[in-house]
Amino acid sequence: MSQRGGLKEQVTGPLIIAAVLAVGAFIATVIFATGGTNNQANFVLAFSIAGGVFIVTLVMCATLIMIEKPNDEHLGEGTGINRSSAKLYAEAKARREAEAKHNAEAKRAAEEK
């Protein structure tokens, strides 16, 4: 069972995404929660919301990383839903042609008798 990339590659992406979303939430909260230019910026609320966004984003990314599992190679071969419809059509066509040829030969043999 080989994983794509190492631990560093799997951790770096979610951390960057979470940090960017947290910074965006922090800036948006500072701007919109202030309530105008006469009021003081509400940094406590902004830090709280940014921390929450960071944690929720990391948990979501970790869950998606754990759920992702590539299919085994043997699942793309064999019978059932994994078979190609073009291959099924070619097999059915070959069967019909073989039956038609067999029926024509049987008809010719019956006429010769």
N, C-alpha and C. Protein backbone atom coordinates (compact mmCIF):
# COMPACT_ATOMS: atom_id res chain seq x y z
N MET A 1 0.84 -1.16 0.00
CA MET A 1 0.00 0.00 0.00
C MET A 1 0.89 1.24 0.00
N SER A 2 0.98 1.91 -1.13
CA SER A 2 1.83 3.09 -1.22
C SER A 2 0.97 4.35 -1.23
N GLN A 3 1.41 5.33 -0.48
CA GLN A 3 0.69 6.59 -0.41
C GLN A 3 1.32 7.57 -1.38
N ARG A 4 0.49 8.46 -1.90
CA ARG A 4 1.02 9.51 -2.77
C ARG A 4 1.75 10.50 -1.90
N GLY A 5 3.04 10.68 -2.14
CA GLY A 5 3.81 11.64 -1.37
C GLY A 5 4.01 11.17 0.06
N GLY A 6 4.84 11.92 0.76
CA GLY A 6 5.09 11.58 2.14
C GLY A 6 4.18 12.35 3.08
N LEU A 7 4.53 12.30 4.34
CA LEU A 7 3.73 12.98 5.35
C LEU A 7 3.76 14.49 5.14
N LYS A 8 4.91 15.01 4.73
CA LYS A 8 5.04 16.46 4.54
C LYS A 8 4.11 16.95 3.44
N GLU A 9 3.99 16.21 2.34
CA GLU A 9 3.12 16.61 1.25
C GLU A 9 1.65 16.51 1.63
N GLN A 10 1.30 15.55 2.46
CA GLN A 10 -0.09 15.38 2.87
C GLN A 10 -0.52 16.41 3.90
N VAL A 11 0.42 16.94 4.68
CA VAL A 11 0.09 17.90 5.72
C VAL A 11 0.16 19.34 5.20
N THR A 12 1.06 19.62 4.31
CA THR A 12 1.28 20.99 3.84
C THR A 12 0.05 21.57 3.16
N GLY A 13 -0.58 20.83 2.28
CA GLY A 13 -1.75 21.33 1.56
C GLY A 13 -2.89 21.75 2.46
N PRO A 14 -3.35 20.86 3.35
CA PRO A 14 -4.43 21.24 4.25
C PRO A 14 -4.07 22.42 5.17
N LEU A 15 -2.80 22.48 5.62
CA LEU A 15 -2.40 23.60 6.47
C LEU A 15 -2.47 24.93 5.72
N ILE A 16 -2.04 24.94 4.48
CA ILE A 16 -2.09 26.17 3.68
C ILE A 16 -3.54 26.58 3.44
N ILE A 17 -4.38 25.62 3.08
CA ILE A 17 -5.80 25.93 2.84
C ILE A 17 -6.45 26.48 4.11
N ALA A 18 -6.19 25.83 5.24
CA ALA A 18 -6.79 26.27 6.51
C ALA A 18 -6.28 27.65 6.90
N ALA A 19 -4.99 27.91 6.69
CA ALA A 19 -4.43 29.21 7.05
C ALA A 19 -5.02 30.32 6.19
N VAL A 20 -5.15 30.07 4.89
CA VAL A 20 -5.72 31.08 3.99
C VAL A 20 -7.17 31.38 4.36
N LEU A 21 -7.95 30.35 4.62
CA LEU A 21 -9.34 30.56 5.00
C LEU A 21 -9.45 31.27 6.36
N ALA A 22 -8.56 30.95 7.29
CA ALA A 22 -8.58 31.60 8.60
C ALA A 22 -8.21 33.07 8.49
N VAL A 23 -7.22 33.39 7.67
CA VAL A 23 -6.85 34.80 7.47
C VAL A 23 -8.00 35.56 6.82
N GLY A 24 -8.64 34.94 5.83
CA GLY A 24 -9.79 35.58 5.19
C GLY A 24 -10.93 35.81 6.18
N ALA A 25 -11.19 34.84 7.04
CA ALA A 25 -12.24 34.99 8.05
C ALA A 25 -11.87 36.06 9.06
N PHE A 26 -10.58 36.13 9.42
CA PHE A 26 -10.12 37.16 10.37
C PHE A 26 -10.33 38.56 9.79
N ILE A 27 -9.90 38.76 8.56
CA ILE A 27 -10.03 40.07 7.94
C ILE A 27 -11.50 40.45 7.77
N ALA A 28 -12.30 39.49 7.31
CA ALA A 28 -13.73 39.79 7.12
C ALA A 28 -14.40 40.11 8.45
N THR A 29 -14.04 39.40 9.50
CA THR A 29 -14.65 39.65 10.81
C THR A 29 -14.23 41.00 11.36
N VAL A 30 -12.95 41.35 11.22
CA VAL A 30 -12.49 42.66 11.70
C VAL A 30 -13.23 43.77 10.97
N ILE A 31 -13.41 43.61 9.67
CA ILE A 31 -14.06 44.67 8.89
C ILE A 31 -15.55 44.75 9.22
N PHE A 32 -16.24 43.62 9.20
CA PHE A 32 -17.70 43.65 9.31
C PHE A 32 -18.21 43.69 10.76
N ALA A 33 -17.42 43.21 11.72
CA ALA A 33 -17.88 43.20 13.11
C ALA A 33 -17.57 44.50 13.84
N THR A 34 -16.79 45.37 13.21
CA THR A 34 -16.46 46.65 13.85
C THR A 34 -17.68 47.53 13.98
N GLY A 35 -18.50 47.59 12.96
CA GLY A 35 -19.73 48.35 13.03
C GLY A 35 -19.56 49.82 12.68
N GLY A 36 -18.56 50.14 11.93
CA GLY A 36 -18.38 51.53 11.48
C GLY A 36 -17.02 52.07 11.90
N THR A 37 -16.71 53.26 11.41
CA THR A 37 -15.38 53.84 11.66
C THR A 37 -15.27 54.46 13.04
N ASN A 38 -16.37 54.71 13.71
CA ASN A 38 -16.32 55.30 15.05
C ASN A 38 -16.03 54.27 16.13
N ASN A 39 -16.19 52.98 15.82
CA ASN A 39 -16.01 51.91 16.81
C ASN A 39 -14.61 51.32 16.70
N GLN A 40 -14.20 50.68 17.79
CA GLN A 40 -12.90 50.01 17.83
C GLN A 40 -13.03 48.62 17.18
N ALA A 41 -11.98 48.15 16.52
CA ALA A 41 -11.99 46.83 15.88
C ALA A 41 -12.14 45.74 16.94
N ASN A 42 -12.92 44.74 16.64
CA ASN A 42 -13.20 43.66 17.58
C ASN A 42 -12.27 42.48 17.27
N PHE A 43 -11.02 42.57 17.80
CA PHE A 43 -10.02 41.56 17.48
C PHE A 43 -10.27 40.23 18.20
N VAL A 44 -10.88 40.26 19.36
CA VAL A 44 -11.15 39.02 20.09
C VAL A 44 -12.10 38.15 19.29
N LEU A 45 -13.17 38.75 18.78
CA LEU A 45 -14.12 38.00 17.96
C LEU A 45 -13.45 37.51 16.68
N ALA A 46 -12.62 38.36 16.08
CA ALA A 46 -11.94 37.98 14.83
C ALA A 46 -10.99 36.80 15.05
N PHE A 47 -10.23 36.83 16.15
CA PHE A 47 -9.33 35.71 16.43
C PHE A 47 -10.12 34.43 16.73
N SER A 48 -11.22 34.56 17.42
CA SER A 48 -12.04 33.38 17.73
C SER A 48 -12.61 32.75 16.47
N ILE A 49 -13.14 33.58 15.60
CA ILE A 49 -13.71 33.05 14.36
C ILE A 49 -12.61 32.47 13.46
N ALA A 50 -11.48 33.15 13.38
CA ALA A 50 -10.36 32.64 12.56
C ALA A 50 -9.87 31.30 13.09
N GLY A 51 -9.77 31.17 14.42
CA GLY A 51 -9.36 29.89 15.01
C GLY A 51 -10.36 28.78 14.71
N GLY A 52 -11.65 29.12 14.83
CA GLY A 52 -12.68 28.13 14.51
C GLY A 52 -12.64 27.70 13.06
N VAL A 53 -12.48 28.64 12.16
CA VAL A 53 -12.39 28.32 10.73
C VAL A 53 -11.17 27.45 10.46
N PHE A 54 -10.04 27.78 11.10
CA PHE A 54 -8.81 27.00 10.91
C PHE A 54 -9.01 25.55 11.36
N ILE A 55 -9.59 25.36 12.54
CA ILE A 55 -9.77 24.01 13.07
C ILE A 55 -10.78 23.22 12.24
N VAL A 56 -11.89 23.84 11.90
CA VAL A 56 -12.91 23.13 11.10
C VAL A 56 -12.35 22.73 9.74
N THR A 57 -11.58 23.63 9.12
CA THR A 57 -10.98 23.32 7.82
C THR A 57 -9.99 22.17 7.93
N LEU A 58 -9.17 22.16 8.98
CA LEU A 58 -8.22 21.05 9.16
C LEU A 58 -8.94 19.73 9.38
N VAL A 59 -10.00 19.73 10.17
CA VAL A 59 -10.74 18.49 10.42
C VAL A 59 -11.38 17.99 9.12
N MET A 60 -11.95 18.89 8.34
CA MET A 60 -12.57 18.48 7.06
C MET A 60 -11.52 17.91 6.12
N CYS A 61 -10.37 18.58 5.99
CA CYS A 61 -9.31 18.08 5.11
C CYS A 61 -8.78 16.72 5.58
N ALA A 62 -8.59 16.57 6.89
CA ALA A 62 -8.10 15.29 7.42
C ALA A 62 -9.11 14.17 7.15
N THR A 63 -10.39 14.49 7.31
CA THR A 63 -11.41 13.48 7.03
C THR A 63 -11.41 13.08 5.57
N LEU A 64 -11.30 14.05 4.68
CA LEU A 64 -11.26 13.73 3.25
C LEU A 64 -10.01 12.95 2.87
N ILE A 65 -8.89 13.24 3.50
CA ILE A 65 -7.66 12.49 3.21
C ILE A 65 -7.80 11.04 3.69
N MET A 66 -8.42 10.84 4.85
CA MET A 66 -8.59 9.47 5.36
C MET A 66 -9.57 8.68 4.51
N ILE A 67 -10.60 9.33 4.00
CA ILE A 67 -11.62 8.63 3.21
C ILE A 67 -11.10 8.23 1.84
N GLU A 68 -10.25 9.05 1.24
CA GLU A 68 -9.77 8.81 -0.12
C GLU A 68 -8.94 7.54 -0.15
N LYS A 69 -9.36 6.60 -0.99
CA LYS A 69 -8.63 5.34 -1.14
C LYS A 69 -8.76 4.91 -2.59
N PRO A 70 -7.66 4.81 -3.31
CA PRO A 70 -7.76 4.39 -4.71
C PRO A 70 -8.21 2.94 -4.84
N ASN A 71 -8.87 2.64 -5.94
CA ASN A 71 -9.34 1.28 -6.21
C ASN A 71 -8.16 0.36 -6.49
N ASP A 72 -8.32 -0.91 -6.15
CA ASP A 72 -7.31 -1.90 -6.48
C ASP A 72 -7.29 -2.12 -7.99
N GLU A 73 -6.15 -2.55 -8.51
CA GLU A 73 -6.00 -2.74 -9.95
C GLU A 73 -6.92 -3.84 -10.48
N HIS A 74 -7.16 -4.88 -9.69
CA HIS A 74 -7.96 -6.00 -10.19
C HIS A 74 -9.42 -5.63 -10.39
N LEU A 75 -9.88 -4.50 -9.83
CA LEU A 75 -11.28 -4.12 -9.97
C LEU A 75 -11.62 -3.63 -11.38
N GLY A 76 -10.63 -3.23 -12.15
CA GLY A 76 -10.87 -2.76 -13.50
C GLY A 76 -10.95 -3.87 -14.53
N GLU A 77 -10.81 -5.10 -14.10
CA GLU A 77 -10.83 -6.23 -15.02
C GLU A 77 -11.95 -7.18 -14.63
N GLY A 78 -12.30 -8.06 -15.51
CA GLY A 78 -13.25 -9.11 -15.17
C GLY A 78 -14.64 -8.86 -15.69
N THR A 79 -15.62 -9.40 -14.98
CA THR A 79 -17.00 -9.35 -15.43
C THR A 79 -17.79 -8.35 -14.62
N GLY A 80 -19.02 -8.20 -14.97
CA GLY A 80 -19.91 -7.33 -14.21
C GLY A 80 -19.84 -5.88 -14.67
N ILE A 81 -20.02 -4.97 -13.75
CA ILE A 81 -20.10 -3.56 -14.12
C ILE A 81 -18.78 -2.99 -14.60
N ASN A 82 -17.69 -3.70 -14.36
CA ASN A 82 -16.39 -3.19 -14.77
C ASN A 82 -16.07 -3.51 -16.23
N ARG A 83 -16.92 -4.26 -16.89
CA ARG A 83 -16.66 -4.61 -18.28
C ARG A 83 -17.03 -3.45 -19.18
N SER A 84 -16.32 -3.31 -20.26
CA SER A 84 -16.56 -2.24 -21.21
C SER A 84 -17.78 -2.57 -22.07
N SER A 85 -18.64 -1.56 -22.30
CA SER A 85 -19.83 -1.81 -23.11
C SER A 85 -19.43 -2.07 -24.57
N ALA A 86 -18.33 -1.49 -25.04
CA ALA A 86 -17.87 -1.77 -26.40
C ALA A 86 -17.46 -3.23 -26.54
N LYS A 87 -16.83 -3.75 -25.51
CA LYS A 87 -16.42 -5.15 -25.55
C LYS A 87 -17.66 -6.06 -25.54
N LEU A 88 -18.65 -5.74 -24.71
CA LEU A 88 -19.88 -6.52 -24.67
C LEU A 88 -20.59 -6.47 -26.02
N TYR A 89 -20.63 -5.30 -26.66
CA TYR A 89 -21.27 -5.18 -27.97
C TYR A 89 -20.55 -6.03 -29.00
N ALA A 90 -19.21 -6.01 -29.00
CA ALA A 90 -18.44 -6.80 -29.96
C ALA A 90 -18.69 -8.30 -29.75
N GLU A 91 -18.77 -8.73 -28.49
CA GLU A 91 -19.04 -10.14 -28.22
C GLU A 91 -20.43 -10.54 -28.69
N ALA A 92 -21.43 -9.70 -28.44
CA ALA A 92 -22.80 -10.01 -28.88
C ALA A 92 -22.90 -10.04 -30.40
N LYS A 93 -22.22 -9.12 -31.06
CA LYS A 93 -22.23 -9.07 -32.52
C LYS A 93 -21.58 -10.33 -33.10
N ALA A 94 -20.46 -10.75 -32.51
CA ALA A 94 -19.78 -11.96 -32.97
C ALA A 94 -20.69 -13.18 -32.78
N ARG A 95 -21.43 -13.24 -31.66
CA ARG A 95 -22.35 -14.34 -31.43
C ARG A 95 -23.46 -14.36 -32.47
N ARG A 96 -24.04 -13.17 -32.75
CA ARG A 96 -25.12 -13.09 -33.75
C ARG A 96 -24.62 -13.52 -35.13
N GLU A 97 -23.43 -13.07 -35.49
CA GLU A 97 -22.88 -13.44 -36.80
C GLU A 97 -22.60 -14.93 -36.87
N ALA A 98 -22.11 -15.53 -35.78
CA ALA A 98 -21.85 -16.96 -35.76
C ALA A 98 -23.15 -17.74 -35.88
N GLU A 99 -24.22 -17.30 -35.20
CA GLU A 99 -25.52 -17.95 -35.29
C GLU A 99 -26.09 -17.84 -36.70
N ALA A 100 -25.96 -16.65 -37.30
CA ALA A 100 -26.47 -16.45 -38.67
C ALA A 100 -25.72 -17.36 -39.64
N LYS A 101 -24.42 -17.48 -39.47
CA LYS A 101 -23.63 -18.34 -40.36
C LYS A 101 -24.02 -19.81 -40.16
N HIS A 102 -24.21 -20.20 -38.91
CA HIS A 102 -24.61 -21.58 -38.62
C HIS A 102 -26.00 -21.88 -39.20
N ASN A 103 -26.94 -20.94 -39.06
CA ASN A 103 -28.29 -21.12 -39.61
C ASN A 103 -28.27 -21.20 -41.13
N ALA A 104 -27.42 -20.38 -41.76
CA ALA A 104 -27.32 -20.41 -43.22
C ALA A 104 -26.75 -21.75 -43.69
N GLU A 105 -25.75 -22.26 -43.00
CA GLU A 105 -25.17 -23.56 -43.36
C GLU A 105 -26.19 -24.68 -43.15
N ALA A 106 -26.95 -24.60 -42.05
CA ALA A 106 -27.95 -25.64 -41.79
C ALA A 106 -29.06 -25.59 -42.85
N LYS A 107 -29.45 -24.39 -43.28
CA LYS A 107 -30.47 -24.24 -44.30
C LYS A 107 -29.97 -24.79 -45.64
N ARG A 108 -28.71 -24.49 -46.00
CA ARG A 108 -28.12 -25.00 -47.23
C ARG A 108 -28.03 -26.53 -47.20
N ALA A 109 -27.67 -27.08 -46.05
CA ALA A 109 -27.56 -28.55 -45.92
C ALA A 109 -28.95 -29.19 -46.04
N ALA A 110 -29.97 -28.54 -45.49
CA ALA A 110 -31.32 -29.08 -45.58
C ALA A 110 -31.83 -29.02 -47.01
N GLU A 111 -31.47 -28.00 -47.78
CA GLU A 111 -31.93 -27.86 -49.18
C GLU A 111 -31.24 -28.88 -50.07
N GLU A 112 -30.02 -29.25 -49.75
CA GLU A 112 -29.28 -30.20 -50.57
C GLU A 112 -29.82 -31.62 -50.40
N LYS A 113 -30.47 -31.91 -49.32
CA LYS A 113 -30.98 -33.26 -49.08
C LYS A 113 -32.22 -33.51 -49.80
